[in-house]
């Protein structure tokens, strides 16, 4: 039961919440039933001692902590709803009074979603720039296709060059002493791949099959092995084989081998058409990004720091999951990259802040425009997701709440509204420019987790009930580098 709601500062409230004697008694009985088998009382088998006897032996407060921890989340959830607060983080909870006769009272410190003001989100003026596709771009793509379809041949009569693959033995040492992992036989290395430490591959260039020579390098200061950081090393090399690439002839037969086309001209025309389509799509995404950036610039809100921190941590967690799917742990990635967890978080920070701001802005527009996806929109989205995950739509509906899908669809419609009302002028770029990063506004909005939803579903920061005084728990904080290759 909500007793009091007090605003203590911007975006922060304190709720005083009471669980009455009946509710507390039910929680105590449940705690007794869950713990009685763990308690030994002389003269009774485990689990058979009456609750009153246990409380007499160990103190009336023996089940208080478990009872409070089990019962306060529901009371908190009801109080938050009654107070009409939208939380963005787990509340900090402190028990302020507890006894059997009156139940218990606790204080919850809540961080809430900020008030957002937004204007001028319609009629925004932007320029759409479509990059032209030139012959050099098509030629470069053809070269990549030839490279992918090249034959590997053993090179004879010349020294190793960048781009060759060399097969060799190596034996490394520091001041003449071998080190762990510094020796291998018949190792295969593509020169120029950057697989070895700086300077190693360059010194392989110019040597011939059958040569024995030394490579002198210095391990980087951020090398993952502590004992090798910054140390000079010597590698004895025995070069066994040099392999090069034999590119296919650039003719109609090549086009037939690598595509569904009969001539090279047809293949080039198809590559150009696809490149033009990519550039148009990239231009549309950039327009979307520019529009949402303009909307965010017109937004006013005092955003709680915890929203940025949580989103940053979520980005780190998502990155760790992607690494895991590639067979690498986050700890191993940090070790090899020489980064710290704090440095990794900092690399995600700017993007996380942008995602939080975008979501807040779009949510406000949804509210102002009273945007509500239809049942048809929901079913269509469920069907798309079902096809994506190879599941039945009905099964997916049981897993993913319709409210979550609806909110994302509403924000996508908000972006559509911004774009459809915008004044977009178009021009072609005079020189080739880089395509926008994969941060289209809809993706950013979808990736940004609904902070309030997660906070409402997650348990509060747990209070620990004590015999005579309540103890406030510690606060716990919740969640760009490129993907690991």
Protein backbone atom coordinates (compact mmCIF):
# COMPACT_ATOMS: atom_id res chain seq x y z
CA UNK A 1 0.00 0.00 0.00
CA UNK A 2 1.31 3.45 -0.99
CA UNK A 3 1.54 5.69 2.07
CA UNK A 4 3.31 8.73 0.64
CA UNK A 5 4.88 9.98 -2.60
CA UNK A 6 7.52 12.70 -2.32
CA UNK A 7 9.51 14.40 -5.07
CA UNK A 8 13.08 14.80 -3.75
CA UNK A 9 14.75 16.18 -6.88
CA UNK A 10 14.37 16.22 -10.67
CA UNK A 11 13.31 12.76 -11.89
CA UNK A 12 13.62 11.27 -8.40
CA UNK A 13 10.83 10.28 -6.02
CA UNK A 14 10.66 8.62 -2.63
CA UNK A 15 7.72 6.32 -2.02
CA UNK A 16 6.73 5.20 1.45
CA UNK A 17 5.10 1.79 1.19
CA UNK A 18 3.45 -0.38 3.85
CA UNK A 19 2.81 -4.12 3.95
CA UNK A 20 0.14 -4.70 6.59
CA UNK A 21 0.23 -7.29 9.36
CA UNK A 22 -1.83 -9.83 7.40
CA UNK A 23 0.42 -9.58 4.35
CA UNK A 24 3.54 -9.82 6.49
CA UNK A 25 2.16 -12.85 8.37
CA UNK A 26 1.46 -14.65 5.09
CA UNK A 27 5.03 -13.93 3.96
CA UNK A 28 6.44 -15.14 7.31
CA UNK A 29 4.51 -18.41 7.07
CA UNK A 30 5.78 -18.93 3.54
CA UNK A 31 9.35 -18.24 4.67
CA UNK A 32 8.92 -20.76 7.49
CA UNK A 33 7.69 -23.46 5.11
CA UNK A 34 10.58 -22.83 2.74
CA UNK A 35 13.24 -22.92 5.48
CA UNK A 36 12.00 -25.39 8.08
CA UNK A 37 13.83 -28.34 6.52
CA UNK A 38 17.13 -26.52 6.99
CA UNK A 39 16.65 -25.86 10.72
CA UNK A 40 17.65 -28.33 13.40
CA UNK A 41 15.66 -28.22 16.65
CA UNK A 42 16.49 -30.73 19.45
CA UNK A 43 13.78 -33.35 19.84
CA UNK A 44 12.38 -32.84 16.34
CA UNK A 45 13.28 -34.28 12.98
CA UNK A 46 14.29 -31.69 10.38
CA UNK A 47 11.23 -29.98 8.98
CA UNK A 48 8.93 -31.04 11.83
CA UNK A 49 9.61 -28.29 14.38
CA UNK A 50 6.71 -25.84 14.84
CA UNK A 51 7.28 -22.29 13.68
CA UNK A 52 6.63 -20.81 17.14
CA UNK A 53 9.28 -23.04 18.66
CA UNK A 54 11.83 -22.02 16.00
CA UNK A 55 11.02 -18.35 16.57
CA UNK A 56 11.38 -18.85 20.33
CA UNK A 57 14.78 -20.51 19.91
CA UNK A 58 16.27 -18.26 17.23
CA UNK A 59 14.34 -15.04 17.79
CA UNK A 60 11.09 -13.74 16.44
CA UNK A 61 12.97 -12.07 13.59
CA UNK A 62 14.39 -15.33 12.24
CA UNK A 63 12.17 -15.30 9.15
CA UNK A 64 11.91 -11.52 8.72
CA UNK A 65 14.55 -11.12 6.01
CA UNK A 66 13.24 -13.91 3.78
CA UNK A 67 9.65 -12.78 4.28
CA UNK A 68 10.43 -9.17 3.37
CA UNK A 69 12.55 -10.09 0.37
CA UNK A 70 9.76 -12.33 -0.93
CA UNK A 71 6.90 -9.88 -0.37
CA UNK A 72 8.18 -6.37 -1.05
CA UNK A 73 8.47 -6.63 -4.90
CA UNK A 74 4.73 -7.04 -5.33
CA UNK A 75 4.00 -4.24 -2.89
CA UNK A 76 6.50 -2.03 -4.69
CA UNK A 77 4.99 -2.76 -8.10
CA UNK A 78 1.50 -1.89 -6.89
CA UNK A 79 2.72 1.32 -5.25
CA UNK A 80 4.56 2.42 -8.40
CA UNK A 81 1.39 1.91 -10.42
CA UNK A 82 -0.66 3.83 -7.86
CA UNK A 83 1.90 6.65 -7.88
CA UNK A 84 1.77 6.68 -11.71
CA UNK A 85 5.56 6.61 -12.07
CA UNK A 86 7.51 5.26 -15.05
CA UNK A 87 10.79 3.92 -13.71
CA UNK A 88 14.07 3.82 -15.60
CA UNK A 89 16.11 1.92 -13.03
CA UNK A 90 15.69 -0.48 -10.15
CA UNK A 91 14.60 1.43 -7.04
CA UNK A 92 16.77 1.53 -3.97
CA UNK A 93 14.83 0.10 -1.05
CA UNK A 94 15.24 0.62 2.69
CA UNK A 95 13.11 -1.02 5.37
CA UNK A 96 12.20 1.65 7.93
CA UNK A 97 9.99 -0.26 10.41
CA UNK A 98 9.05 -3.89 10.99
CA UNK A 99 7.15 -5.90 13.58
CA UNK A 100 4.55 -8.66 13.63
CA UNK A 101 1.78 -6.50 14.98
CA UNK A 102 1.94 -3.77 12.31
CA UNK A 103 3.71 -5.44 9.39
CA UNK A 104 6.55 -3.46 7.84
CA UNK A 105 7.16 -0.17 6.07
CA UNK A 106 9.85 0.54 3.50
CA UNK A 107 11.08 3.48 1.47
CA UNK A 108 11.75 3.16 -2.27
CA UNK A 109 13.90 5.75 -4.02
CA UNK A 110 12.82 5.80 -7.67
CA UNK A 111 14.43 7.31 -10.76
CA UNK A 112 11.76 8.10 -13.33
CA UNK A 113 11.58 8.88 -17.01
CA UNK A 114 12.12 12.62 -17.59
CA UNK A 115 9.56 15.10 -18.79
CA UNK A 116 10.18 15.74 -22.47
CA UNK A 117 9.38 18.86 -24.48
CA UNK A 118 9.65 18.71 -28.24
CA UNK A 119 8.77 21.07 -31.07
CA UNK A 120 9.35 21.62 -34.77
CA UNK A 121 9.40 17.95 -35.68
CA UNK A 122 7.33 18.52 -38.82
CA UNK A 123 8.50 20.25 -41.97
CA UNK A 124 12.22 19.75 -41.26
CA UNK A 125 14.41 20.68 -44.24
CA UNK A 126 17.12 18.22 -45.25
CA UNK A 127 19.16 17.43 -48.35
CA UNK A 128 19.30 13.92 -49.75
CA UNK A 129 22.62 13.20 -51.41
CA UNK A 130 22.89 10.13 -53.64
CA UNK A 131 26.42 9.05 -54.44
CA UNK A 132 26.98 8.18 -58.11
CA UNK A 133 28.45 4.84 -59.12
CA UNK A 134 31.56 5.20 -61.27
CA UNK A 135 33.47 2.71 -63.40
CA UNK A 136 36.27 2.49 -60.82
CA UNK A 137 33.83 1.17 -58.20
CA UNK A 138 32.58 -1.55 -60.56
CA UNK A 139 36.15 -2.43 -61.54
CA UNK A 140 37.09 -2.77 -57.86
CA UNK A 141 34.16 -5.14 -57.28
CA UNK A 142 35.17 -7.20 -60.31
CA UNK A 143 38.72 -7.39 -58.90
CA UNK A 144 37.34 -8.69 -55.59
CA UNK A 145 35.35 -11.34 -57.44
CA UNK A 146 38.46 -12.40 -59.35
CA UNK A 147 40.39 -12.55 -56.10
CA UNK A 148 37.75 -14.77 -54.46
CA UNK A 149 37.86 -17.11 -57.44
CA UNK A 150 41.63 -17.19 -57.82
CA UNK A 151 43.61 -20.43 -57.87
CA UNK A 152 46.38 -20.91 -55.36
CA UNK A 153 49.61 -21.97 -57.03
CA UNK A 154 53.11 -22.65 -55.76
CA UNK A 155 55.41 -19.78 -56.71
CA UNK A 156 58.79 -20.59 -58.21
CA UNK A 157 61.57 -18.34 -59.38
CA UNK A 158 60.76 -15.28 -57.32
CA UNK A 159 60.83 -14.02 -53.73
CA UNK A 160 57.81 -13.64 -51.44
CA UNK A 161 55.59 -10.58 -51.96
CA UNK A 162 52.76 -9.00 -50.03
CA UNK A 163 49.60 -10.95 -50.78
CA UNK A 164 51.45 -14.26 -51.02
CA UNK A 165 50.84 -17.07 -48.56
CA UNK A 166 54.06 -18.45 -47.08
CA UNK A 167 54.57 -21.77 -45.32
CA UNK A 168 57.41 -21.76 -42.79
CA UNK A 169 58.80 -22.88 -39.44
CA UNK A 170 59.53 -20.28 -36.79
CA UNK A 171 61.29 -20.38 -33.45
CA UNK A 172 61.12 -17.22 -31.32
CA UNK A 173 63.24 -16.18 -28.37
CA UNK A 174 63.82 -13.29 -25.95
CA UNK A 175 67.51 -12.68 -25.31
CA UNK A 176 68.18 -16.16 -26.63
CA UNK A 177 65.59 -17.83 -24.37
CA UNK A 178 62.58 -19.48 -26.09
CA UNK A 179 59.15 -18.36 -24.88
CA UNK A 180 55.83 -20.18 -24.72
CA UNK A 181 53.89 -20.09 -27.98
CA UNK A 182 56.89 -18.83 -29.94
CA UNK A 183 57.50 -21.96 -32.00
CA UNK A 184 55.60 -23.67 -34.82
CA UNK A 185 56.21 -25.83 -37.89
CA UNK A 186 54.64 -25.56 -41.35
CA UNK A 187 52.79 -22.42 -40.33
CA UNK A 188 50.72 -20.81 -43.11
CA UNK A 189 50.54 -17.00 -43.22
CA UNK A 190 49.14 -14.58 -45.77
CA UNK A 191 51.54 -11.66 -45.98
CA UNK A 192 49.73 -8.39 -45.41
CA UNK A 193 46.92 -9.95 -43.39
CA UNK A 194 48.17 -8.39 -40.16
CA UNK A 195 47.96 -11.73 -38.39
CA UNK A 196 51.42 -11.36 -36.83
CA UNK A 197 52.80 -8.49 -34.77
CA UNK A 198 53.88 -5.34 -36.65
CA UNK A 199 57.06 -5.74 -38.72
CA UNK A 200 57.00 -9.53 -38.91
CA UNK A 201 55.20 -9.96 -42.22
CA UNK A 202 57.11 -7.12 -43.88
CA UNK A 203 60.41 -8.86 -43.10
CA UNK A 204 59.20 -12.06 -44.81
CA UNK A 205 58.97 -10.17 -48.10
CA UNK A 206 61.96 -10.62 -50.41
CA UNK A 207 62.98 -14.08 -49.20
CA UNK A 208 62.93 -17.21 -51.33
CA UNK A 209 61.83 -20.78 -50.77
CA UNK A 210 64.47 -22.74 -48.84
CA UNK A 211 65.98 -19.70 -47.16
CA UNK A 212 66.74 -19.60 -43.45
CA UNK A 213 66.85 -16.13 -41.90
CA UNK A 214 65.91 -14.11 -38.83
CA UNK A 215 63.06 -11.67 -38.20
CA UNK A 216 63.55 -9.03 -35.50
CA UNK A 217 60.43 -7.50 -33.95
CA UNK A 218 59.26 -5.80 -30.78
CA UNK A 219 56.02 -6.89 -29.13
CA UNK A 220 53.47 -4.05 -28.72
CA UNK A 221 53.05 -2.46 -25.31
CA UNK A 222 49.41 -3.60 -25.25
CA UNK A 223 50.19 -7.20 -26.20
CA UNK A 224 47.94 -9.71 -24.41
CA UNK A 225 50.82 -11.72 -22.88
CA UNK A 226 52.18 -9.72 -19.95
CA UNK A 227 55.66 -11.26 -20.14
CA UNK A 228 56.06 -10.21 -23.80
CA UNK A 229 54.75 -6.62 -23.70
CA UNK A 230 57.26 -4.21 -25.23
CA UNK A 231 59.97 -6.90 -25.46
CA UNK A 232 62.30 -7.29 -28.49
CA UNK A 233 62.25 -10.80 -29.96
CA UNK A 234 64.11 -12.74 -32.62
CA UNK A 235 62.42 -15.36 -34.77
CA UNK A 236 64.45 -17.91 -36.70
CA UNK A 237 62.64 -18.65 -39.95
CA UNK A 238 62.86 -21.61 -42.33
CA UNK A 239 60.81 -20.75 -45.43
CA UNK A 240 59.38 -23.90 -47.07
CA UNK A 241 56.93 -22.67 -49.68
CA UNK A 242 55.52 -19.55 -51.31
CA UNK A 243 52.00 -19.66 -52.65
CA UNK A 244 50.49 -17.02 -54.92
CA UNK A 245 47.15 -16.40 -56.55
CA UNK A 246 46.42 -16.96 -60.20
CA UNK A 247 43.54 -14.72 -61.16
CA UNK A 248 41.00 -15.91 -63.73
CA UNK A 249 40.93 -14.20 -67.12
CA UNK A 250 38.54 -11.29 -67.26
CA UNK A 251 36.20 -12.38 -70.05
CA UNK A 252 32.73 -13.73 -70.72
CA UNK A 253 33.71 -17.16 -69.40
CA UNK A 254 34.56 -15.56 -66.06
CA UNK A 255 31.10 -13.96 -65.95
CA UNK A 256 29.47 -17.34 -66.63
CA UNK A 257 31.52 -19.00 -63.88
CA UNK A 258 30.73 -16.47 -61.13
CA UNK A 259 27.20 -15.36 -62.00
CA UNK A 260 24.01 -16.16 -63.88
CA UNK A 261 25.07 -13.88 -66.74
CA UNK A 262 26.50 -14.92 -70.10
CA UNK A 263 28.68 -11.88 -70.74
CA UNK A 264 31.01 -9.66 -68.78
CA UNK A 265 29.05 -6.58 -69.85
CA UNK A 266 25.85 -8.04 -68.38
CA UNK A 267 27.65 -8.78 -65.12
CA UNK A 268 29.01 -5.24 -64.92
CA UNK A 269 25.58 -3.78 -65.64
CA UNK A 270 24.06 -5.85 -62.84
CA UNK A 271 26.78 -4.83 -60.40
CA UNK A 272 26.20 -1.18 -61.30
CA UNK A 273 22.44 -1.47 -60.81
CA UNK A 274 22.90 -3.09 -57.40
CA UNK A 275 25.46 -0.46 -56.36
CA UNK A 276 23.07 2.32 -57.40
CA UNK A 277 20.30 0.71 -55.36
CA UNK A 278 22.62 0.45 -52.33
CA UNK A 279 23.55 4.11 -52.68
CA UNK A 280 19.89 5.14 -52.86
CA UNK A 281 19.14 3.10 -49.75
CA UNK A 282 22.14 4.59 -47.95
CA UNK A 283 20.95 8.08 -48.91
CA UNK A 284 17.47 7.33 -47.55
CA UNK A 285 18.97 6.06 -44.29
CA UNK A 286 21.13 9.15 -44.00
CA UNK A 287 18.08 11.37 -44.52
CA UNK A 288 16.31 9.45 -41.76
CA UNK A 289 19.31 9.93 -39.47
CA UNK A 290 19.53 13.65 -40.27
CA UNK A 291 15.81 14.12 -39.59
CA UNK A 292 15.93 12.35 -36.24
CA UNK A 293 19.10 14.25 -35.29
CA UNK A 294 17.20 17.47 -35.97
CA UNK A 295 14.29 16.27 -33.83
CA UNK A 296 16.61 15.37 -30.95
CA UNK A 297 18.27 18.78 -31.23
CA UNK A 298 14.84 20.36 -30.66
CA UNK A 299 14.09 18.20 -27.62
CA UNK A 300 14.36 19.51 -24.07
CA UNK A 301 14.74 17.00 -21.23
CA UNK A 302 16.80 16.51 -18.09
CA UNK A 303 17.77 12.90 -18.71
CA UNK A 304 18.88 10.87 -15.68
CA UNK A 305 22.48 9.72 -15.94
CA UNK A 306 21.41 6.17 -15.09
CA UNK A 307 19.56 5.90 -18.42
CA UNK A 308 22.83 6.45 -20.28
CA UNK A 309 24.69 4.09 -17.98
CA UNK A 310 22.12 1.33 -18.38
CA UNK A 311 22.03 1.62 -22.15
CA UNK A 312 25.83 1.60 -22.30
CA UNK A 313 25.96 -1.57 -20.22
CA UNK A 314 23.32 -3.17 -22.43
CA UNK A 315 25.49 -2.38 -25.47
CA UNK A 316 28.45 -4.06 -23.79
CA UNK A 317 26.29 -7.10 -23.00
CA UNK A 318 25.07 -7.27 -26.60
CA UNK A 319 28.65 -7.01 -27.84
CA UNK A 320 29.70 -9.83 -25.51
CA UNK A 321 26.86 -11.97 -26.86
CA UNK A 322 28.00 -11.36 -30.45
CA UNK A 323 31.53 -12.31 -29.47
CA UNK A 324 30.24 -15.49 -27.84
CA UNK A 325 28.37 -16.42 -31.03
CA UNK A 326 31.73 -16.12 -32.83
CA UNK A 327 33.42 -18.40 -30.32
CA UNK A 328 35.19 -15.74 -28.27
CA UNK A 329 34.58 -14.57 -24.71
CA UNK A 330 34.59 -10.92 -23.72
CA UNK A 331 37.53 -11.52 -21.37
CA UNK A 332 39.57 -13.00 -24.21
CA UNK A 333 38.65 -10.12 -26.51
CA UNK A 334 39.78 -7.60 -23.92
CA UNK A 335 42.99 -9.52 -23.43
CA UNK A 336 43.84 -9.57 -27.13
CA UNK A 337 42.71 -6.01 -27.82
CA UNK A 338 44.51 -4.61 -24.78
CA UNK A 339 41.32 -2.81 -23.69
CA UNK A 340 39.81 -2.53 -20.24
CA UNK A 341 36.11 -2.95 -19.45
CA UNK A 342 35.90 0.78 -18.69
CA UNK A 343 37.49 1.65 -22.04
CA UNK A 344 35.07 -0.66 -23.83
CA UNK A 345 32.12 0.98 -22.07
CA UNK A 346 33.41 4.42 -22.99
CA UNK A 347 33.58 3.37 -26.64
CA UNK A 348 29.83 2.60 -26.54
CA UNK A 349 28.87 5.69 -24.53
CA UNK A 350 28.21 8.22 -27.32
CA UNK A 351 26.02 5.86 -29.29
CA UNK A 352 24.16 4.83 -26.13
CA UNK A 353 23.39 8.47 -25.32
CA UNK A 354 22.09 9.00 -28.84
CA UNK A 355 19.85 5.93 -28.64
CA UNK A 356 18.35 7.07 -25.33
CA UNK A 357 17.63 10.55 -26.71
CA UNK A 358 16.12 9.20 -29.92
CA UNK A 359 13.78 6.91 -28.04
CA UNK A 360 12.64 9.66 -25.67
CA UNK A 361 12.00 12.01 -28.59
CA UNK A 362 10.06 9.43 -30.57
CA UNK A 363 8.03 8.35 -27.54
CA UNK A 364 7.01 11.98 -27.02
CA UNK A 365 5.93 12.31 -30.65
CA UNK A 366 3.92 9.09 -30.32
CA UNK A 367 2.20 10.64 -27.31
CA UNK A 368 1.55 14.01 -28.98
CA UNK A 369 0.29 12.47 -32.22
CA UNK A 370 -1.67 9.74 -30.41
CA UNK A 371 -0.07 7.09 -32.62
CA UNK A 372 -1.41 3.57 -32.07
CA UNK A 373 -0.52 0.61 -34.31
CA UNK A 374 -3.50 -1.38 -35.50
CA UNK A 375 -4.17 -5.04 -34.81
CA UNK A 376 -3.25 -5.66 -38.45
CA UNK A 377 0.12 -3.95 -37.91
CA UNK A 378 0.79 -6.15 -34.88
CA UNK A 379 -0.11 -9.38 -36.66
CA UNK A 380 2.02 -8.43 -39.65
CA UNK A 381 5.02 -7.75 -37.40
CA UNK A 382 4.54 -11.03 -35.55
CA UNK A 383 4.43 -12.83 -38.90
CA UNK A 384 7.67 -11.17 -40.04
CA UNK A 385 9.38 -12.14 -36.79
CA UNK A 386 8.01 -15.68 -37.05
CA UNK A 387 9.56 -16.06 -40.50
CA UNK A 388 12.81 -14.55 -39.27
CA UNK A 389 13.10 -16.94 -36.31
CA UNK A 390 11.47 -19.91 -38.06
CA UNK A 391 8.70 -20.10 -35.47
CA UNK A 392 4.93 -20.16 -35.47
CA UNK A 393 3.43 -16.71 -34.99
CA UNK A 394 1.16 -17.93 -32.19
CA UNK A 395 4.15 -19.33 -30.28
CA UNK A 396 5.97 -16.04 -30.73
CA UNK A 397 3.00 -14.15 -29.30
CA UNK A 398 3.35 -16.18 -26.12
CA UNK A 399 7.01 -15.16 -25.80
CA UNK A 400 7.05 -11.52 -26.94
CA UNK A 401 4.40 -9.27 -25.33
CA UNK A 402 2.19 -7.39 -27.78
CA UNK A 403 2.82 -4.18 -25.81
CA UNK A 404 6.55 -4.33 -26.58
CA UNK A 405 5.91 -4.86 -30.29
CA UNK A 406 3.31 -2.11 -30.31
CA UNK A 407 5.67 0.45 -28.80
CA UNK A 408 8.37 -0.25 -31.38
CA UNK A 409 5.85 -0.07 -34.22
CA UNK A 410 4.53 3.22 -32.86
CA UNK A 411 8.02 4.74 -32.87
CA UNK A 412 8.59 3.53 -36.43
CA UNK A 413 5.36 5.29 -37.38
CA UNK A 414 6.64 8.42 -35.65
CA UNK A 415 9.73 8.30 -37.85
CA UNK A 416 7.51 7.84 -40.90
CA UNK A 417 5.53 10.92 -39.83
CA UNK A 418 8.72 12.98 -39.46
CA UNK A 419 9.98 11.85 -42.88
CA UNK A 420 6.66 12.23 -44.70
CA UNK A 421 6.26 15.81 -43.44
CA UNK A 422 9.87 16.78 -44.15
CA UNK A 423 11.02 19.03 -47.00
CA UNK A 424 13.64 16.92 -48.76
CA UNK A 425 15.75 18.32 -51.59
CA UNK A 426 17.85 15.90 -53.62
CA UNK A 427 21.22 16.21 -55.28
CA UNK A 428 23.88 13.91 -56.61
CA UNK A 429 27.29 13.98 -55.01
CA UNK A 430 30.09 15.27 -57.19
CA UNK A 431 32.59 12.97 -55.50
CA UNK A 432 32.21 9.61 -53.84
CA UNK A 433 31.39 9.84 -50.14
CA UNK A 434 31.30 7.23 -47.45
CA UNK A 435 27.95 5.55 -46.86
CA UNK A 436 26.30 6.24 -43.49
CA UNK A 437 27.06 3.92 -40.62
CA UNK A 438 24.51 1.30 -39.65
CA UNK A 439 22.74 3.66 -37.33
CA UNK A 440 19.50 4.32 -39.18
CA UNK A 441 17.03 5.99 -36.87
CA UNK A 442 14.60 3.08 -36.78
CA UNK A 443 17.39 0.69 -35.85
CA UNK A 444 18.63 3.00 -33.13
CA UNK A 445 15.12 3.34 -31.77
CA UNK A 446 14.55 -0.41 -31.83
CA UNK A 447 17.90 -1.15 -30.19
CA UNK A 448 17.34 1.33 -27.39
CA UNK A 449 15.71 -0.70 -24.64
CA UNK A 450 12.55 0.63 -23.07
CA UNK A 451 14.12 1.64 -19.78
CA UNK A 452 10.86 1.97 -17.89
CA UNK A 453 9.62 -1.46 -19.01
CA UNK A 454 12.78 -3.19 -17.85
CA UNK A 455 12.83 -1.35 -14.55
CA UNK A 456 9.22 -2.20 -13.86
CA UNK A 457 9.80 -5.90 -14.56
CA UNK A 458 13.12 -6.16 -12.71
CA UNK A 459 13.24 -6.58 -8.94
CA UNK A 460 14.21 -3.59 -6.85
CA UNK A 461 17.61 -3.35 -5.22
CA UNK A 462 17.04 -5.76 -2.39
CA UNK A 463 16.57 -4.67 1.21
CA UNK A 464 18.01 -6.74 4.01
CA UNK A 465 15.83 -6.89 7.10
CA UNK A 466 17.69 -6.91 10.40
CA UNK A 467 16.59 -7.58 13.98
CA UNK A 468 16.43 -4.01 15.21
CA UNK A 469 17.19 -1.66 12.33
CA UNK A 470 16.79 -1.78 8.58
CA UNK A 471 19.84 -1.68 6.37
CA UNK A 472 19.93 0.08 3.05
CA UNK A 473 21.33 -2.04 0.25
CA UNK A 474 24.10 -0.95 -2.05
CA UNK A 475 23.15 0.56 -5.38
CA UNK A 476 23.79 -1.62 -8.37
CA UNK A 477 24.32 -0.07 -11.78
CA UNK A 478 22.88 -1.91 -14.81
CA UNK A 479 23.95 -1.65 -18.88
CA UNK A 480 31.58 1.25 -30.06
CA UNK A 481 33.99 -0.77 -31.06
CA UNK A 482 33.74 -2.78 -34.22
CA UNK A 483 32.72 -6.42 -34.03
CA UNK A 484 35.57 -8.79 -33.37
CA UNK A 485 36.74 -10.33 -36.56
